[in-house]
Amino acid sequence: MSSVADKLGKFLENAFKRAFNKSESFDLVSGEKEIVCEEAFQHKTLEEYKSAGYNFRRTKDQMSRGLSREQAFEEFQKHK
């Protein structure tokens, strides 16, 4: 019965990833999961991203380094 539950869990997980167009990565150093929205990759500037109706948020690390939203977005774009 657990194999059915496992298959159902994987099916639902994949369905949600596709539905919300998100991918998941795991940072081995901090041990944190990071979900990255692929929609951000379509926009060249923060203003384009905002005009599309999205709100870009900085990570705790970016805030602690004193990065502005524009700088954080540029950093985000470099790592795509």
N, C-alpha and C. Protein backbone atom coordinates (compact mmCIF):
# COMPACT_ATOMS: atom_id res chain seq x y z
N MET A 1 0.82 -1.20 0.00
CA MET A 1 0.00 0.00 0.00
C MET A 1 0.86 1.25 0.00
N SER A 2 2.04 1.17 0.60
CA SER A 2 2.87 2.38 0.65
C SER A 2 3.41 2.73 -0.73
N SER A 3 3.58 1.76 -1.61
CA SER A 3 4.05 2.07 -2.96
C SER A 3 3.00 2.89 -3.71
N VAL A 4 1.73 2.62 -3.47
CA VAL A 4 0.66 3.40 -4.08
C VAL A 4 0.69 4.82 -3.52
N ALA A 5 0.88 4.93 -2.21
CA ALA A 5 0.95 6.24 -1.58
C ALA A 5 2.16 7.02 -2.08
N ASP A 6 3.29 6.34 -2.26
CA ASP A 6 4.49 6.99 -2.77
C ASP A 6 4.27 7.49 -4.20
N LYS A 7 3.66 6.66 -5.03
CA LYS A 7 3.40 7.06 -6.41
C LYS A 7 2.44 8.24 -6.47
N LEU A 8 1.42 8.20 -5.63
CA LEU A 8 0.46 9.30 -5.59
C LEU A 8 1.14 10.58 -5.11
N GLY A 9 2.00 10.46 -4.11
CA GLY A 9 2.72 11.63 -3.59
C GLY A 9 3.61 12.25 -4.65
N LYS A 10 4.33 11.41 -5.39
CA LYS A 10 5.20 11.91 -6.46
C LYS A 10 4.38 12.54 -7.58
N PHE A 11 3.25 11.92 -7.91
CA PHE A 11 2.38 12.46 -8.94
C PHE A 11 1.89 13.85 -8.56
N LEU A 12 1.41 13.99 -7.33
CA LEU A 12 0.90 15.29 -6.88
C LEU A 12 2.01 16.34 -6.80
N GLU A 13 3.18 15.94 -6.34
CA GLU A 13 4.31 16.86 -6.26
C GLU A 13 4.68 17.38 -7.65
N ASN A 14 4.76 16.48 -8.63
CA ASN A 14 5.07 16.89 -10.00
C ASN A 14 3.97 17.76 -10.59
N ALA A 15 2.72 17.44 -10.28
CA ALA A 15 1.60 18.23 -10.80
C ALA A 15 1.66 19.65 -10.26
N PHE A 16 1.96 19.80 -8.98
CA PHE A 16 2.05 21.14 -8.40
C PHE A 16 3.24 21.91 -8.97
N LYS A 17 4.35 21.24 -9.18
CA LYS A 17 5.51 21.91 -9.77
C LYS A 17 5.19 22.43 -11.16
N ARG A 18 4.52 21.59 -11.96
CA ARG A 18 4.16 22.03 -13.30
C ARG A 18 3.11 23.12 -13.28
N ALA A 19 2.14 22.99 -12.38
CA ALA A 19 1.04 23.96 -12.32
C ALA A 19 1.54 25.34 -11.91
N PHE A 20 2.47 25.38 -11.00
CA PHE A 20 2.95 26.66 -10.51
C PHE A 20 4.28 27.07 -11.13
N ASN A 21 4.77 26.26 -12.08
CA ASN A 21 5.98 26.56 -12.84
C ASN A 21 7.16 26.88 -11.92
N LYS A 22 7.37 26.04 -10.95
CA LYS A 22 8.46 26.25 -10.00
C LYS A 22 9.37 25.04 -10.00
N SER A 23 10.62 25.28 -9.69
CA SER A 23 11.56 24.18 -9.54
C SER A 23 12.17 24.28 -8.15
N GLU A 24 12.59 23.18 -7.63
CA GLU A 24 13.11 23.12 -6.28
C GLU A 24 14.58 22.76 -6.32
N SER A 25 15.37 23.44 -5.50
CA SER A 25 16.76 23.06 -5.36
C SER A 25 17.08 22.94 -3.88
N PHE A 26 18.10 22.22 -3.57
CA PHE A 26 18.46 21.98 -2.18
C PHE A 26 19.89 22.45 -1.97
N ASP A 27 20.07 23.38 -1.04
CA ASP A 27 21.39 23.93 -0.74
C ASP A 27 22.06 23.00 0.27
N LEU A 28 23.12 22.33 -0.15
CA LEU A 28 23.78 21.37 0.72
C LEU A 28 24.52 22.02 1.88
N VAL A 29 24.95 23.28 1.71
CA VAL A 29 25.68 23.97 2.78
C VAL A 29 24.74 24.35 3.91
N SER A 30 23.65 25.04 3.59
CA SER A 30 22.74 25.50 4.64
C SER A 30 21.68 24.47 4.98
N GLY A 31 21.47 23.52 4.07
CA GLY A 31 20.45 22.50 4.32
C GLY A 31 19.04 23.00 4.09
N GLU A 32 18.90 24.14 3.40
CA GLU A 32 17.59 24.71 3.16
C GLU A 32 17.12 24.43 1.74
N LYS A 33 15.82 24.25 1.60
CA LYS A 33 15.23 24.12 0.27
C LYS A 33 14.97 25.51 -0.26
N GLU A 34 15.18 25.68 -1.54
CA GLU A 34 14.91 26.96 -2.17
C GLU A 34 14.01 26.71 -3.36
N ILE A 35 12.90 27.42 -3.42
CA ILE A 35 11.99 27.30 -4.54
C ILE A 35 12.16 28.54 -5.40
N VAL A 36 12.45 28.32 -6.64
CA VAL A 36 12.71 29.41 -7.56
C VAL A 36 11.63 29.44 -8.63
N CYS A 37 11.04 30.57 -8.81
CA CYS A 37 10.01 30.72 -9.83
C CYS A 37 10.67 30.98 -11.17
N GLU A 38 10.37 30.16 -12.15
CA GLU A 38 10.98 30.30 -13.46
C GLU A 38 10.44 31.51 -14.22
N GLU A 39 9.32 32.10 -13.76
CA GLU A 39 8.79 33.29 -14.41
C GLU A 39 9.78 34.43 -14.37
N ALA A 40 10.60 34.53 -13.33
CA ALA A 40 11.56 35.62 -13.19
C ALA A 40 12.59 35.60 -14.30
N PHE A 41 12.86 34.43 -14.86
CA PHE A 41 13.88 34.31 -15.88
C PHE A 41 13.46 34.98 -17.19
N GLN A 42 12.18 35.23 -17.37
CA GLN A 42 11.70 35.83 -18.59
C GLN A 42 11.88 37.34 -18.61
N HIS A 43 12.14 37.94 -17.47
CA HIS A 43 12.22 39.39 -17.36
C HIS A 43 13.66 39.84 -17.20
N LYS A 44 14.04 40.86 -17.95
CA LYS A 44 15.42 41.35 -17.94
C LYS A 44 15.69 42.31 -16.78
N THR A 45 14.68 43.08 -16.40
CA THR A 45 14.87 44.07 -15.33
C THR A 45 13.82 43.88 -14.25
N LEU A 46 14.08 44.48 -13.11
CA LEU A 46 13.14 44.42 -11.99
C LEU A 46 11.84 45.14 -12.36
N GLU A 47 11.95 46.22 -13.11
CA GLU A 47 10.75 46.97 -13.52
C GLU A 47 9.86 46.12 -14.43
N GLU A 48 10.45 45.37 -15.36
CA GLU A 48 9.67 44.46 -16.21
C GLU A 48 8.98 43.41 -15.36
N TYR A 49 9.71 42.90 -14.37
CA TYR A 49 9.17 41.88 -13.47
C TYR A 49 7.98 42.43 -12.70
N LYS A 50 8.12 43.66 -12.19
CA LYS A 50 7.03 44.29 -11.43
C LYS A 50 5.84 44.60 -12.33
N SER A 51 6.10 45.08 -13.54
CA SER A 51 5.01 45.43 -14.45
C SER A 51 4.21 44.19 -14.86
N ALA A 52 4.82 43.02 -14.76
CA ALA A 52 4.11 41.77 -15.06
C ALA A 52 3.23 41.33 -13.89
N GLY A 53 3.28 42.08 -12.78
CA GLY A 53 2.42 41.78 -11.64
C GLY A 53 3.08 40.97 -10.54
N TYR A 54 4.40 40.84 -10.58
CA TYR A 54 5.12 40.07 -9.58
C TYR A 54 5.82 40.99 -8.58
N ASN A 55 6.11 40.47 -7.41
CA ASN A 55 6.85 41.21 -6.40
C ASN A 55 8.11 40.41 -6.07
N PHE A 56 9.26 40.98 -6.36
CA PHE A 56 10.52 40.29 -6.09
C PHE A 56 10.92 40.49 -4.64
N ARG A 57 11.28 39.42 -3.98
CA ARG A 57 11.70 39.49 -2.57
C ARG A 57 13.14 39.05 -2.43
N ARG A 58 13.85 39.78 -1.62
CA ARG A 58 15.25 39.44 -1.34
C ARG A 58 15.32 38.32 -0.31
N THR A 59 16.41 37.57 -0.36
CA THR A 59 16.63 36.52 0.64
C THR A 59 17.20 37.16 1.90
N LYS A 60 17.21 36.43 3.00
CA LYS A 60 17.79 36.94 4.24
C LYS A 60 19.26 37.28 4.04
N ASP A 61 19.95 36.44 3.27
CA ASP A 61 21.37 36.68 2.99
C ASP A 61 21.56 37.99 2.24
N GLN A 62 20.73 38.21 1.23
CA GLN A 62 20.84 39.44 0.44
C GLN A 62 20.55 40.67 1.30
N MET A 63 19.57 40.57 2.19
CA MET A 63 19.27 41.70 3.07
C MET A 63 20.41 41.95 4.04
N SER A 64 21.00 40.88 4.57
CA SER A 64 22.09 41.05 5.53
C SER A 64 23.32 41.68 4.88
N ARG A 65 23.48 41.47 3.55
CA ARG A 65 24.59 42.09 2.83
C ARG A 65 24.27 43.50 2.36
N GLY A 66 23.05 43.96 2.63
CA GLY A 66 22.66 45.33 2.30
C GLY A 66 22.36 45.56 0.83
N LEU A 67 21.97 44.51 0.11
CA LEU A 67 21.66 44.66 -1.31
C LEU A 67 20.28 45.30 -1.48
N SER A 68 20.16 46.19 -2.46
CA SER A 68 18.86 46.74 -2.81
C SER A 68 18.10 45.67 -3.60
N ARG A 69 16.81 45.91 -3.82
CA ARG A 69 16.02 44.95 -4.60
C ARG A 69 16.60 44.81 -6.01
N GLU A 70 17.02 45.93 -6.61
CA GLU A 70 17.59 45.90 -7.96
C GLU A 70 18.86 45.06 -7.99
N GLN A 71 19.74 45.27 -7.00
CA GLN A 71 20.98 44.50 -6.93
C GLN A 71 20.69 43.02 -6.71
N ALA A 72 19.73 42.73 -5.84
CA ALA A 72 19.37 41.35 -5.56
C ALA A 72 18.78 40.67 -6.80
N PHE A 73 17.96 41.41 -7.55
CA PHE A 73 17.37 40.86 -8.77
C PHE A 73 18.46 40.56 -9.80
N GLU A 74 19.43 41.47 -9.94
CA GLU A 74 20.54 41.25 -10.86
C GLU A 74 21.35 40.01 -10.45
N GLU A 75 21.57 39.86 -9.14
CA GLU A 75 22.29 38.69 -8.64
C GLU A 75 21.50 37.42 -8.95
N PHE A 76 20.20 37.49 -8.76
CA PHE A 76 19.30 36.37 -9.04
C PHE A 76 19.37 35.99 -10.52
N GLN A 77 19.39 36.98 -11.40
CA GLN A 77 19.44 36.73 -12.84
C GLN A 77 20.77 36.08 -13.23
N LYS A 78 21.86 36.43 -12.57
CA LYS A 78 23.17 35.87 -12.89
C LYS A 78 23.23 34.38 -12.55
N HIS A 79 22.48 33.96 -11.54
CA HIS A 79 22.54 32.57 -11.07
C HIS A 79 21.53 31.67 -11.77
N LYS A 80 20.81 32.18 -12.72
CA LYS A 80 19.80 31.35 -13.39
C LYS A 80 20.43 30.38 -14.26
